[in-house]
Amino acid sequence: MVDWQVTAITIECRAVAEEVTILVKNDWSAQCTGFEKYAASHQASLELTKRSLDMKRVLECKGTQCSQITAYIQKLQAEESRKVSPGGENK
């Protein structure tokens, strides 16, 4: 088990072309402010579609299946695994 409750990182999200914050809890569940914004509001979803047309590229949030969320969780898990020695003791 990790020794923190929640950790977060703010990134430039390629999927929505703006900054979002990814939150990861100590049970490895994740939330993303971009997904919460665009999934919660029909108006925000329409805004994303309009920006997509303006930028001439597809902007589409994949929610918690996003590769950037997955990569951040994997980075945290790798950091945590380095903290524990092969015998299960903390370094």
PDB file of N, CA and C in Angstrom:
ATOM      1  N   MET A   1       0.842  -1.179   0.000  1.00  0.00           N
ATOM      2  CA  MET A   1       0.000   0.000   0.000  1.00  0.00           C
ATOM      3  C   MET A   1       0.887   1.242   0.000  1.00  0.00           C
ATOM      4  N   VAL A   2       0.458   2.256  -0.685  1.00  0.00           N
ATOM      5  CA  VAL A   2       1.228   3.491  -0.779  1.00  0.00           C
ATOM      6  C   VAL A   2       1.066   4.312   0.499  1.00  0.00           C
ATOM      7  N   ASP A   3       2.005   5.216   0.719  1.00  0.00           N
ATOM      8  CA  ASP A   3       1.952   6.024   1.932  1.00  0.00           C
ATOM      9  C   ASP A   3       1.410   7.431   1.674  1.00  0.00           C
ATOM     10  N   TRP A   4       0.573   7.573   0.669  1.00  0.00           N
ATOM     11  CA  TRP A   4      -0.082   8.841   0.387  1.00  0.00           C
ATOM     12  C   TRP A   4      -1.561   8.580   0.093  1.00  0.00           C
ATOM     13  N   GLN A   5      -2.383   9.607   0.222  1.00  0.00           N
ATOM     14  CA  GLN A   5      -3.824   9.478   0.003  1.00  0.00           C
ATOM     15  C   GLN A   5      -4.208   9.798  -1.439  1.00  0.00           C
ATOM     16  N   VAL A   6      -3.641  10.870  -1.961  1.00  0.00           N
ATOM     17  CA  VAL A   6      -3.940  11.302  -3.324  1.00  0.00           C
ATOM     18  C   VAL A   6      -2.731  12.080  -3.844  1.00  0.00           C
ATOM     19  N   THR A   7      -2.509  11.972  -5.131  1.00  0.00           N
ATOM     20  CA  THR A   7      -1.460  12.754  -5.776  1.00  0.00           C
ATOM     21  C   THR A   7      -2.037  13.299  -7.077  1.00  0.00           C
ATOM     22  N   ALA A   8      -1.495  14.376  -7.549  1.00  0.00           N
ATOM     23  CA  ALA A   8      -2.047  15.013  -8.743  1.00  0.00           C
ATOM     24  C   ALA A   8      -0.938  15.614  -9.593  1.00  0.00           C
ATOM     25  N   ILE A   9      -1.251  15.758 -10.863  1.00  0.00           N
ATOM     26  CA  ILE A   9      -0.343  16.404 -11.811  1.00  0.00           C
ATOM     27  C   ILE A   9      -1.203  17.191 -12.804  1.00  0.00           C
ATOM     28  N   THR A  10      -0.727  18.349 -13.189  1.00  0.00           N
ATOM     29  CA  THR A  10      -1.397  19.143 -14.214  1.00  0.00           C
ATOM     30  C   THR A  10      -0.584  19.026 -15.485  1.00  0.00           C
ATOM     31  N   ILE A  11      -1.271  18.681 -16.563  1.00  0.00           N
ATOM     32  CA  ILE A  11      -0.609  18.462 -17.852  1.00  0.00           C
ATOM     33  C   ILE A  11      -1.351  19.194 -18.961  1.00  0.00           C
ATOM     34  N   GLU A  12      -0.694  19.355 -20.079  1.00  0.00           N
ATOM     35  CA  GLU A  12      -1.362  19.834 -21.284  1.00  0.00           C
ATOM     36  C   GLU A  12      -1.934  18.605 -21.968  1.00  0.00           C
ATOM     37  N   CYS A  13      -3.228  18.478 -21.970  1.00  0.00           N
ATOM     38  CA  CYS A  13      -3.891  17.296 -22.514  1.00  0.00           C
ATOM     39  C   CYS A  13      -4.051  17.426 -24.025  1.00  0.00           C
ATOM     40  N   ARG A  14      -3.517  16.461 -24.738  1.00  0.00           N
ATOM     41  CA  ARG A  14      -3.626  16.448 -26.200  1.00  0.00           C
ATOM     42  C   ARG A  14      -5.058  16.174 -26.650  1.00  0.00           C
ATOM     43  N   ALA A  15      -5.811  15.443 -25.843  1.00  0.00           N
ATOM     44  CA  ALA A  15      -7.161  15.030 -26.234  1.00  0.00           C
ATOM     45  C   ALA A  15      -8.155  16.187 -26.225  1.00  0.00           C
ATOM     46  N   VAL A  16      -7.950  17.165 -25.338  1.00  0.00           N
ATOM     47  CA  VAL A  16      -8.882  18.295 -25.270  1.00  0.00           C
ATOM     48  C   VAL A  16      -8.195  19.638 -25.521  1.00  0.00           C
ATOM     49  N   ALA A  17      -6.885  19.608 -25.781  1.00  0.00           N
ATOM     50  CA  ALA A  17      -6.106  20.803 -26.117  1.00  0.00           C
ATOM     51  C   ALA A  17      -6.199  21.886 -25.046  1.00  0.00           C
ATOM     52  N   GLU A  18      -6.067  21.463 -23.787  1.00  0.00           N
ATOM     53  CA  GLU A  18      -6.002  22.416 -22.684  1.00  0.00           C
ATOM     54  C   GLU A  18      -5.398  21.727 -21.468  1.00  0.00           C
ATOM     55  N   GLU A  19      -5.096  22.528 -20.453  1.00  0.00           N
ATOM     56  CA  GLU A  19      -4.541  21.952 -19.238  1.00  0.00           C
ATOM     57  C   GLU A  19      -5.625  21.216 -18.461  1.00  0.00           C
ATOM     58  N   VAL A  20      -5.257  20.056 -17.930  1.00  0.00           N
ATOM     59  CA  VAL A  20      -6.147  19.282 -17.062  1.00  0.00           C
ATOM     60  C   VAL A  20      -5.330  18.792 -15.875  1.00  0.00           C
ATOM     61  N   THR A  21      -6.021  18.444 -14.821  1.00  0.00           N
ATOM     62  CA  THR A  21      -5.352  17.871 -13.663  1.00  0.00           C
ATOM     63  C   THR A  21      -5.797  16.430 -13.515  1.00  0.00           C
ATOM     64  N   ILE A  22      -4.819  15.550 -13.396  1.00  0.00           N
ATOM     65  CA  ILE A  22      -5.081  14.128 -13.168  1.00  0.00           C
ATOM     66  C   ILE A  22      -4.856  13.861 -11.684  1.00  0.00           C
ATOM     67  N   LEU A  23      -5.850  13.280 -11.030  1.00  0.00           N
ATOM     68  CA  LEU A  23      -5.749  12.911  -9.618  1.00  0.00           C
ATOM     69  C   LEU A  23      -5.740  11.400  -9.520  1.00  0.00           C
ATOM     70  N   VAL A  24      -4.798  10.853  -8.741  1.00  0.00           N
ATOM     71  CA  VAL A  24      -4.729   9.417  -8.522  1.00  0.00           C
ATOM     72  C   VAL A  24      -4.819   9.177  -7.019  1.00  0.00           C
ATOM     73  N   LYS A  25      -5.755   8.315  -6.631  1.00  0.00           N
ATOM     74  CA  LYS A  25      -5.925   7.978  -5.215  1.00  0.00           C
ATOM     75  C   LYS A  25      -5.056   6.777  -4.866  1.00  0.00           C
ATOM     76  N   ASN A  26      -4.910   6.511  -3.572  1.00  0.00           N
ATOM     77  CA  ASN A  26      -4.025   5.443  -3.130  1.00  0.00           C
ATOM     78  C   ASN A  26      -4.506   4.042  -3.509  1.00  0.00           C
ATOM     79  N   ASP A  27      -5.728   3.911  -4.019  1.00  0.00           N
ATOM     80  CA  ASP A  27      -6.199   2.617  -4.526  1.00  0.00           C
ATOM     81  C   ASP A  27      -6.003   2.517  -6.047  1.00  0.00           C
ATOM     82  N   TRP A  28      -5.275   3.472  -6.612  1.00  0.00           N
ATOM     83  CA  TRP A  28      -4.927   3.574  -8.034  1.00  0.00           C
ATOM     84  C   TRP A  28      -6.101   3.989  -8.919  1.00  0.00           C
ATOM     85  N   SER A  29      -7.213   4.392  -8.336  1.00  0.00           N
ATOM     86  CA  SER A  29      -8.296   4.951  -9.151  1.00  0.00           C
ATOM     87  C   SER A  29      -7.895   6.370  -9.551  1.00  0.00           C
ATOM     88  N   ALA A  30      -8.424   6.831 -10.681  1.00  0.00           N
ATOM     89  CA  ALA A  30      -8.019   8.137 -11.207  1.00  0.00           C
ATOM     90  C   ALA A  30      -9.222   8.975 -11.606  1.00  0.00           C
ATOM     91  N   GLN A  31      -9.022  10.269 -11.541  1.00  0.00           N
ATOM     92  CA  GLN A  31      -9.996  11.234 -12.023  1.00  0.00           C
ATOM     93  C   GLN A  31      -9.245  12.251 -12.879  1.00  0.00           C
ATOM     94  N   CYS A  32      -9.943  12.834 -13.821  1.00  0.00           N
ATOM     95  CA  CYS A  32      -9.350  13.854 -14.676  1.00  0.00           C
ATOM     96  C   CYS A  32     -10.323  15.022 -14.772  1.00  0.00           C
ATOM     97  N   THR A  33      -9.827  16.236 -14.554  1.00  0.00           N
ATOM     98  CA  THR A  33     -10.701  17.397 -14.604  1.00  0.00           C
ATOM     99  C   THR A  33     -11.242  17.644 -16.013  1.00  0.00           C
ATOM    100  N   GLY A  34     -10.485  17.260 -17.021  1.00  0.00           N
ATOM    101  CA  GLY A  34     -10.967  17.416 -18.395  1.00  0.00           C
ATOM    102  C   GLY A  34     -12.165  16.519 -18.665  1.00  0.00           C
ATOM    103  N   PHE A  35     -12.075  15.272 -18.235  1.00  0.00           N
ATOM    104  CA  PHE A  35     -13.187  14.337 -18.426  1.00  0.00           C
ATOM    105  C   PHE A  35     -14.406  14.805 -17.649  1.00  0.00           C
ATOM    106  N   GLU A  36     -14.185  15.229 -16.412  1.00  0.00           N
ATOM    107  CA  GLU A  36     -15.305  15.707 -15.603  1.00  0.00           C
ATOM    108  C   GLU A  36     -15.981  16.900 -16.261  1.00  0.00           C
ATOM    109  N   LYS A  37     -15.180  17.787 -16.836  1.00  0.00           N
ATOM    110  CA  LYS A  37     -15.729  18.980 -17.485  1.00  0.00           C
ATOM    111  C   LYS A  37     -16.552  18.616 -18.723  1.00  0.00           C
ATOM    112  N   TYR A  38     -15.983  17.791 -19.595  1.00  0.00           N
ATOM    113  CA  TYR A  38     -16.638  17.525 -20.871  1.00  0.00           C
ATOM    114  C   TYR A  38     -17.697  16.437 -20.811  1.00  0.00           C
ATOM    115  N   ALA A  39     -17.648  15.567 -19.829  1.00  0.00           N
ATOM    116  CA  ALA A  39     -18.669  14.528 -19.696  1.00  0.00           C
ATOM    117  C   ALA A  39     -19.888  15.040 -18.941  1.00  0.00           C
ATOM    118  N   ALA A  40     -19.693  16.024 -18.081  1.00  0.00           N
ATOM    119  CA  ALA A  40     -20.765  16.492 -17.205  1.00  0.00           C
ATOM    120  C   ALA A  40     -21.704  17.483 -17.878  1.00  0.00           C
ATOM    121  N   SER A  41     -21.242  18.135 -18.917  1.00  0.00           N
ATOM    122  CA  SER A  41     -22.023  19.212 -19.501  1.00  0.00           C
ATOM    123  C   SER A  41     -22.156  19.065 -21.009  1.00  0.00           C
ATOM    124  N   HIS A  42     -23.380  19.089 -21.472  1.00  0.00           N
ATOM    125  CA  HIS A  42     -23.635  19.029 -22.912  1.00  0.00           C
ATOM    126  C   HIS A  42     -23.035  20.267 -23.586  1.00  0.00           C
ATOM    127  N   GLN A  43     -23.152  21.414 -22.931  1.00  0.00           N
ATOM    128  CA  GLN A  43     -22.612  22.657 -23.479  1.00  0.00           C
ATOM    129  C   GLN A  43     -21.088  22.574 -23.629  1.00  0.00           C
ATOM    130  N   ALA A  44     -20.418  22.028 -22.630  1.00  0.00           N
ATOM    131  CA  ALA A  44     -18.964  21.882 -22.694  1.00  0.00           C
ATOM    132  C   ALA A  44     -18.570  20.899 -23.789  1.00  0.00           C
ATOM    133  N   SER A  45     -19.360  19.849 -23.964  1.00  0.00           N
ATOM    134  CA  SER A  45     -19.105  18.884 -25.023  1.00  0.00           C
ATOM    135  C   SER A  45     -19.231  19.541 -26.397  1.00  0.00           C
ATOM    136  N   LEU A  46     -20.225  20.406 -26.560  1.00  0.00           N
ATOM    137  CA  LEU A  46     -20.381  21.139 -27.817  1.00  0.00           C
ATOM    138  C   LEU A  46     -19.206  22.090 -28.052  1.00  0.00           C
ATOM    139  N   GLU A  47     -18.713  22.704 -26.975  1.00  0.00           N
ATOM    140  CA  GLU A  47     -17.545  23.582 -27.066  1.00  0.00           C
ATOM    141  C   GLU A  47     -16.326  22.806 -27.569  1.00  0.00           C
ATOM    142  N   LEU A  48     -16.156  21.598 -27.073  1.00  0.00           N
ATOM    143  CA  LEU A  48     -15.036  20.761 -27.505  1.00  0.00           C
ATOM    144  C   LEU A  48     -15.166  20.413 -28.987  1.00  0.00           C
ATOM    145  N   THR A  49     -16.378  20.117 -29.431  1.00  0.00           N
ATOM    146  CA  THR A  49     -16.614  19.819 -30.843  1.00  0.00           C
ATOM    147  C   THR A  49     -16.299  21.031 -31.708  1.00  0.00           C
ATOM    148  N   LYS A  50     -16.714  22.215 -31.272  1.00  0.00           N
ATOM    149  CA  LYS A  50     -16.440  23.440 -32.024  1.00  0.00           C
ATOM    150  C   LYS A  50     -14.939  23.697 -32.110  1.00  0.00           C
ATOM    151  N   ARG A  51     -14.232  23.547 -30.996  1.00  0.00           N
ATOM    152  CA  ARG A  51     -12.773  23.732 -31.006  1.00  0.00           C
ATOM    153  C   ARG A  51     -12.107  22.715 -31.917  1.00  0.00           C
ATOM    154  N   SER A  52     -12.648  21.514 -31.938  1.00  0.00           N
ATOM    155  CA  SER A  52     -12.120  20.462 -32.802  1.00  0.00           C
ATOM    156  C   SER A  52     -12.211  20.891 -34.265  1.00  0.00           C
ATOM    157  N   LEU A  53     -13.353  21.445 -34.633  1.00  0.00           N
ATOM    158  CA  LEU A  53     -13.523  21.918 -36.005  1.00  0.00           C
ATOM    159  C   LEU A  53     -12.601  23.096 -36.308  1.00  0.00           C
ATOM    160  N   ASP A  54     -12.465  24.022 -35.350  1.00  0.00           N
ATOM    161  CA  ASP A  54     -11.589  25.183 -35.538  1.00  0.00           C
ATOM    162  C   ASP A  54     -10.130  24.771 -35.708  1.00  0.00           C
ATOM    163  N   MET A  55      -9.709  23.753 -34.955  1.00  0.00           N
ATOM    164  CA  MET A  55      -8.314  23.297 -34.996  1.00  0.00           C
ATOM    165  C   MET A  55      -8.065  22.305 -36.132  1.00  0.00           C
ATOM    166  N   LYS A  56      -9.132  21.854 -36.761  1.00  0.00           N
ATOM    167  CA  LYS A  56      -9.047  20.886 -37.862  1.00  0.00           C
ATOM    168  C   LYS A  56      -8.364  19.585 -37.430  1.00  0.00           C
ATOM    169  N   ARG A  57      -8.680  19.153 -36.213  1.00  0.00           N
ATOM    170  CA  ARG A  57      -8.227  17.851 -35.714  1.00  0.00           C
ATOM    171  C   ARG A  57      -9.232  17.370 -34.679  1.00  0.00           C
ATOM    172  N   VAL A  58      -9.273  16.096 -34.502  1.00  0.00           N
ATOM    173  CA  VAL A  58     -10.237  15.502 -33.583  1.00  0.00           C
ATOM    174  C   VAL A  58      -9.781  15.719 -32.143  1.00  0.00           C
ATOM    175  N   LEU A  59     -10.661  16.318 -31.352  1.00  0.00           N
ATOM    176  CA  LEU A  59     -10.452  16.442 -29.913  1.00  0.00           C
ATOM    177  C   LEU A  59     -11.492  15.542 -29.262  1.00  0.00           C
ATOM    178  N   GLU A  60     -11.022  14.540 -28.563  1.00  0.00           N
ATOM    179  CA  GLU A  60     -11.943  13.576 -27.979  1.00  0.00           C
ATOM    180  C   GLU A  60     -11.364  13.033 -26.680  1.00  0.00           C
ATOM    181  N   CYS A  61     -12.063  13.286 -25.602  1.00  0.00           N
ATOM    182  CA  CYS A  61     -11.629  12.794 -24.297  1.00  0.00           C
ATOM    183  C   CYS A  61     -12.031  11.328 -24.160  1.00  0.00           C
ATOM    184  N   LYS A  62     -11.083  10.497 -23.735  1.00  0.00           N
ATOM    185  CA  LYS A  62     -11.350   9.067 -23.560  1.00  0.00           C
ATOM    186  C   LYS A  62     -11.571   8.703 -22.096  1.00  0.00           C
ATOM    187  N   GLY A  63     -11.709   9.704 -21.249  1.00  0.00           N
ATOM    188  CA  GLY A  63     -11.982   9.446 -19.842  1.00  0.00           C
ATOM    189  C   GLY A  63     -10.826   8.740 -19.161  1.00  0.00           C
ATOM    190  N   THR A  64     -11.132   7.825 -18.280  1.00  0.00           N
ATOM    191  CA  THR A  64     -10.078   7.143 -17.521  1.00  0.00           C
ATOM    192  C   THR A  64      -9.302   6.136 -18.368  1.00  0.00           C
ATOM    193  N   GLN A  65      -9.703   5.925 -19.607  1.00  0.00           N
ATOM    194  CA  GLN A  65      -8.959   5.052 -20.516  1.00  0.00           C
ATOM    195  C   GLN A  65      -7.890   5.823 -21.287  1.00  0.00           C
ATOM    196  N   CYS A  66      -7.726   7.075 -20.959  1.00  0.00           N
ATOM    197  CA  CYS A  66      -6.758   7.950 -21.624  1.00  0.00           C
ATOM    198  C   CYS A  66      -5.332   7.450 -21.413  1.00  0.00           C
ATOM    199  N   SER A  67      -4.539   7.492 -22.449  1.00  0.00           N
ATOM    200  CA  SER A  67      -3.153   7.022 -22.352  1.00  0.00           C
ATOM    201  C   SER A  67      -2.326   7.887 -21.410  1.00  0.00           C
ATOM    202  N   GLN A  68      -2.660   9.160 -21.278  1.00  0.00           N
ATOM    203  CA  GLN A  68      -1.908  10.026 -20.373  1.00  0.00           C
ATOM    204  C   GLN A  68      -2.203   9.679 -18.907  1.00  0.00           C
ATOM    205  N   ILE A  69      -3.427   9.300 -18.602  1.00  0.00           N
ATOM    206  CA  ILE A  69      -3.772   8.860 -17.250  1.00  0.00           C
ATOM    207  C   ILE A  69      -3.063   7.542 -16.953  1.00  0.00           C
ATOM    208  N   THR A  70      -3.148   6.613 -17.889  1.00  0.00           N
ATOM    209  CA  THR A  70      -2.506   5.310 -17.724  1.00  0.00           C
ATOM    210  C   THR A  70      -1.002   5.463 -17.515  1.00  0.00           C
ATOM    211  N   ALA A  71      -0.371   6.319 -18.299  1.00  0.00           N
ATOM    212  CA  ALA A  71       1.076   6.539 -18.183  1.00  0.00           C
ATOM    213  C   ALA A  71       1.429   7.122 -16.816  1.00  0.00           C
ATOM    214  N   TYR A  72       0.610   8.041 -16.310  1.00  0.00           N
ATOM    215  CA  TYR A  72       0.884   8.637 -14.999  1.00  0.00           C
ATOM    216  C   TYR A  72       0.740   7.592 -13.890  1.00  0.00           C
ATOM    217  N   ILE A  73      -0.289   6.764 -13.967  1.00  0.00           N
ATOM    218  CA  ILE A  73      -0.473   5.705 -12.965  1.00  0.00           C
ATOM    219  C   ILE A  73       0.711   4.732 -13.009  1.00  0.00           C
ATOM    220  N   GLN A  74       1.134   4.348 -14.206  1.00  0.00           N
ATOM    221  CA  GLN A  74       2.275   3.435 -14.333  1.00  0.00           C
ATOM    222  C   GLN A  74       3.550   4.053 -13.772  1.00  0.00           C
ATOM    223  N   LYS A  75       3.740   5.342 -13.979  1.00  0.00           N
ATOM    224  CA  LYS A  75       4.911   6.041 -13.425  1.00  0.00           C
ATOM    225  C   LYS A  75       4.870   5.993 -11.898  1.00  0.00           C
ATOM    226  N   LEU A  76       3.707   6.267 -11.321  1.00  0.00           N
ATOM    227  CA  LEU A  76       3.573   6.227  -9.861  1.00  0.00           C
ATOM    228  C   LEU A  76       3.809   4.820  -9.318  1.00  0.00           C
ATOM    229  N   GLN A  77       3.263   3.817 -10.002  1.00  0.00           N
ATOM    230  CA  GLN A  77       3.452   2.440  -9.559  1.00  0.00           C
ATOM    231  C   GLN A  77       4.921   2.036  -9.619  1.00  0.00           C
ATOM    232  N   ALA A  78       5.626   2.476 -10.652  1.00  0.00           N
ATOM    233  CA  ALA A  78       7.062   2.175 -10.763  1.00  0.00           C
ATOM    234  C   ALA A  78       7.832   2.847  -9.629  1.00  0.00           C
ATOM    235  N   GLU A  79       7.478   4.092  -9.317  1.00  0.00           N
ATOM    236  CA  GLU A  79       8.132   4.790  -8.208  1.00  0.00           C
ATOM    237  C   GLU A  79       7.882   4.066  -6.892  1.00  0.00           C
ATOM    238  N   GLU A  80       6.667   3.605  -6.686  1.00  0.00           N
ATOM    239  CA  GLU A  80       6.324   2.899  -5.450  1.00  0.00           C
ATOM    240  C   GLU A  80       7.043   1.558  -5.366  1.00  0.00           C
ATOM    241  N   SER A  81       7.170   0.862  -6.483  1.00  0.00           N
ATOM    242  CA  SER A  81       7.836  -0.445  -6.451  1.00  0.00           C
ATOM    243  C   SER A  81       9.327  -0.297  -6.146  1.00  0.00           C
ATOM    244  N   ARG A  82       9.921   0.828  -6.525  1.00  0.00           N
ATOM    245  CA  ARG A  82      11.330   1.070  -6.206  1.00  0.00           C
ATOM    246  C   ARG A  82      11.531   1.378  -4.730  1.00  0.00           C
ATOM    247  N   LYS A  83      10.470   1.805  -4.044  1.00  0.00           N
ATOM    248  CA  LYS A  83      10.563   2.132  -2.610  1.00  0.00           C
ATOM    249  C   LYS A  83      10.576   0.877  -1.744  1.00  0.00           C
ATOM    250  N   VAL A  84      10.116  -0.241  -2.290  1.00  0.00           N
ATOM    251  CA  VAL A  84      10.017  -1.476  -1.507  1.00  0.00           C
ATOM    252  C   VAL A  84      11.118  -2.431  -1.973  1.00  0.00           C
ATOM    253  N   SER A  85      11.861  -2.966  -1.021  1.00  0.00           N
ATOM    254  CA  SER A  85      12.929  -3.898  -1.358  1.00  0.00           C
ATOM    255  C   SER A  85      12.339  -5.275  -1.691  1.00  0.00           C
ATOM    256  N   PRO A  86      13.105  -6.178  -2.277  1.00  0.00           N
ATOM    257  CA  PRO A  86      12.607  -7.517  -2.620  1.00  0.00           C
ATOM    258  C   PRO A  86      12.029  -8.277  -1.414  1.00  0.00           C
ATOM    259  N   GLY A  87      12.520  -8.004  -0.212  1.00  0.00           N
ATOM    260  CA  GLY A  87      12.022  -8.679   0.984  1.00  0.00           C
ATOM    261  C   GLY A  87      10.746  -8.061   1.521  1.00  0.00           C
ATOM    262  N   GLY A  88      10.242  -7.024   0.834  1.00  0.00           N
ATOM    263  CA  GLY A  88       9.011  -6.391   1.260  1.00  0.00           C
ATOM    264  C   GLY A  88       9.210  -5.260   2.241  1.00  0.00           C
ATOM    265  N   GLU A  89      10.458  -4.915   2.521  1.00  0.00           N
ATOM    266  CA  GLU A  89      10.739  -3.843   3.459  1.00  0.00           C
ATOM    267  C   GLU A  89      10.879  -2.527   2.704  1.00  0.00           C
ATOM    268  N   ASN A  90      10.464  -1.453   3.332  1.00  0.00           N
ATOM    269  CA  ASN A  90      10.622  -0.124   2.720  1.00  0.00           C
ATOM    270  C   ASN A  90      12.087   0.251   2.711  1.00  0.00           C
ATOM    271  N   LYS A  91      12.490   0.910   1.656  1.00  0.00           N
ATOM    272  CA  LYS A  91      13.871   1.395   1.550  1.00  0.00           C
ATOM    273  C   LYS A  91      14.007   2.736   2.224  1.00  0.00           C
TER     274      LYS A  91
END
